[in-house]
C-alpha atoms as a PDB file:
ATOM      1  CA  MET A   1      -0.048  -0.016  -0.117  1.00  0.00           C
ATOM      2  CA  ASP A   2       1.154   3.416  -0.677  1.00  0.00           C
ATOM      3  CA  ALA A   3       0.426   6.541   0.835  1.00  0.00           C
ATOM      4  CA  LEU A   4      -2.536   7.142  -1.067  1.00  0.00           C
ATOM      5  CA  GLU A   5      -4.399   4.172  -0.416  1.00  0.00           C
ATOM      6  CA  ILE A   6      -3.631   4.669   3.289  1.00  0.00           C
ATOM      7  CA  THR A   7      -5.088   8.183   3.255  1.00  0.00           C
ATOM      8  CA  TRP A   8      -7.907   6.680   1.334  1.00  0.00           C
ATOM      9  CA  ALA A   9      -8.643   3.989   4.104  1.00  0.00           C
ATOM     10  CA  LEU A  10      -8.291   6.856   6.918  1.00  0.00           C
ATOM     11  CA  SER A  11     -10.815   9.128   5.217  1.00  0.00           C
ATOM     12  CA  PHE A  12     -12.836   6.067   4.936  1.00  0.00           C
ATOM     13  CA  ILE A  13     -13.120   5.305   8.331  1.00  0.00           C
ATOM     14  CA  ALA A  14     -13.352   8.932   9.359  1.00  0.00           C
ATOM     15  CA  THR A  15     -16.390   9.334   7.098  1.00  0.00           C
ATOM     16  CA  ALA A  16     -17.856   6.236   8.322  1.00  0.00           C
ATOM     17  CA  TRP A  17     -17.536   7.046  11.936  1.00  0.00           C
ATOM     18  CA  PHE A  18     -18.403  11.004  11.834  1.00  0.00           C
ATOM     19  CA  LEU A  19     -21.143  11.095   9.504  1.00  0.00           C
ATOM     20  CA  PRO A  20     -23.777   8.486  11.319  1.00  0.00           C
ATOM     21  CA  ILE A  21     -22.822  10.257  14.800  1.00  0.00           C
ATOM     22  CA  GLY A  22     -23.254  13.743  13.864  1.00  0.00           C
ATOM     23  CA  ALA A  23     -26.965  12.639  11.990  1.00  0.00           C
ATOM     24  CA  ILE A  24     -27.713  10.920  15.096  1.00  0.00           C
ATOM     25  CA  ARG A  25     -26.684  14.103  17.363  1.00  0.00           C
ATOM     26  CA  MET A  26     -28.556  16.300  15.040  1.00  0.00           C
ATOM     27  CA  ILE A  27     -31.639  14.137  15.183  1.00  0.00           C
ATOM     28  CA  ALA A  28     -31.442  14.156  18.846  1.00  0.00           C
ATOM     29  CA  TYR A  29     -30.867  17.733  19.117  1.00  0.00           C
ATOM     30  CA  ALA A  30     -34.140  18.579  16.954  1.00  0.00           C
ATOM     31  CA  SER A  31     -36.094  16.038  18.936  1.00  0.00           C
ATOM     32  CA  GLY A  32     -36.291  18.881  21.510  1.00  0.00           C
ATOM     33  CA  ASP A  33     -36.000  16.515  24.348  1.00  0.00           C
ATOM     34  CA  VAL A  34     -34.467  17.488  27.643  1.00  0.00           C
ATOM     35  CA  ASP A  35     -30.753  17.843  26.657  1.00  0.00           C
ATOM     36  CA  HIS A  36     -31.478  20.525  24.261  1.00  0.00           C
ATOM     37  CA  THR A  37     -28.644  22.557  24.925  1.00  0.00           C
ATOM     38  CA  SER A  38     -26.603  24.882  22.449  1.00  0.00           C
ATOM     39  CA  GLY A  39     -23.639  22.846  23.098  1.00  0.00           C
ATOM     40  CA  MET A  40     -25.461  20.065  21.921  1.00  0.00           C
ATOM     41  CA  ARG A  41     -26.179  21.676  18.670  1.00  0.00           C
ATOM     42  CA  ARG A  42     -22.184  22.757  18.201  1.00  0.00           C
ATOM     43  CA  LEU A  43     -21.031  19.312  18.552  1.00  0.00           C
ATOM     44  CA  ALA A  44     -23.600  18.011  16.328  1.00  0.00           C
ATOM     45  CA  VAL A  45     -22.531  20.680  13.742  1.00  0.00           C
ATOM     46  CA  ALA A  46     -18.892  20.125  14.226  1.00  0.00           C
ATOM     47  CA  THR A  47     -19.219  16.214  13.967  1.00  0.00           C
ATOM     48  CA  LEU A  48     -21.168  16.645  10.847  1.00  0.00           C
ATOM     49  CA  GLY A  49     -18.978  18.984   9.499  1.00  0.00           C
ATOM     50  CA  THR A  50     -16.126  16.569   9.987  1.00  0.00           C
ATOM     51  CA  GLY A  51     -17.940  13.675   8.593  1.00  0.00           C
ATOM     52  CA  LEU A  52     -18.619  15.852   5.214  1.00  0.00           C
ATOM     53  CA  GLY A  53     -15.110  17.133   5.075  1.00  0.00           C
ATOM     54  CA  ALA A  54     -13.757  13.515   5.128  1.00  0.00           C
ATOM     55  CA  ALA A  55     -16.387  12.020   2.745  1.00  0.00           C
ATOM     56  CA  ILE A  56     -15.473  14.993   0.178  1.00  0.00           C
ATOM     57  CA  VAL A  57     -11.446  13.739   0.504  1.00  0.00           C
ATOM     58  CA  LEU A  58     -12.580  10.193   0.331  1.00  0.00           C
ATOM     59  CA  LEU A  59     -14.600  10.930  -3.014  1.00  0.00           C
ATOM     60  CA  ALA A  60     -11.327  12.951  -4.299  1.00  0.00           C
ATOM     61  CA  LEU A  61      -8.802  10.408  -3.260  1.00  0.00           C
ATOM     62  CA  THR A  62     -11.587   7.778  -4.882  1.00  0.00           C
ATOM     63  CA  LEU A  63     -11.054   9.727  -8.427  1.00  0.00           C
ATOM     64  CA  ALA A  64      -7.251   9.796  -7.827  1.00  0.00           C
ATOM     65  CA  ILE A  65      -6.763   6.146  -7.298  1.00  0.00           C
ATOM     66  CA  VAL A  66      -9.514   5.318 -10.161  1.00  0.00           C
ATOM     67  CA  LEU A  67      -7.437   7.669 -12.490  1.00  0.00           C
ATOM     68  CA  ARG A  68      -4.049   6.758 -11.915  1.00  0.00           C
END
């Protein structure tokens, strides 16, 4: 494995980890339950942003691996 494939694997793991957790946190925040704090929303947005960033990197690296 070269560095490109290792980076692809790491971005895949980050995407698979952060996107579902961010979605679950955002759904929990939107439910209006007892723990409806601004800190919960900030954490949900940060987790979703990290997951989306990892997904963009994953897509770019997938294209780079396929086209080389």
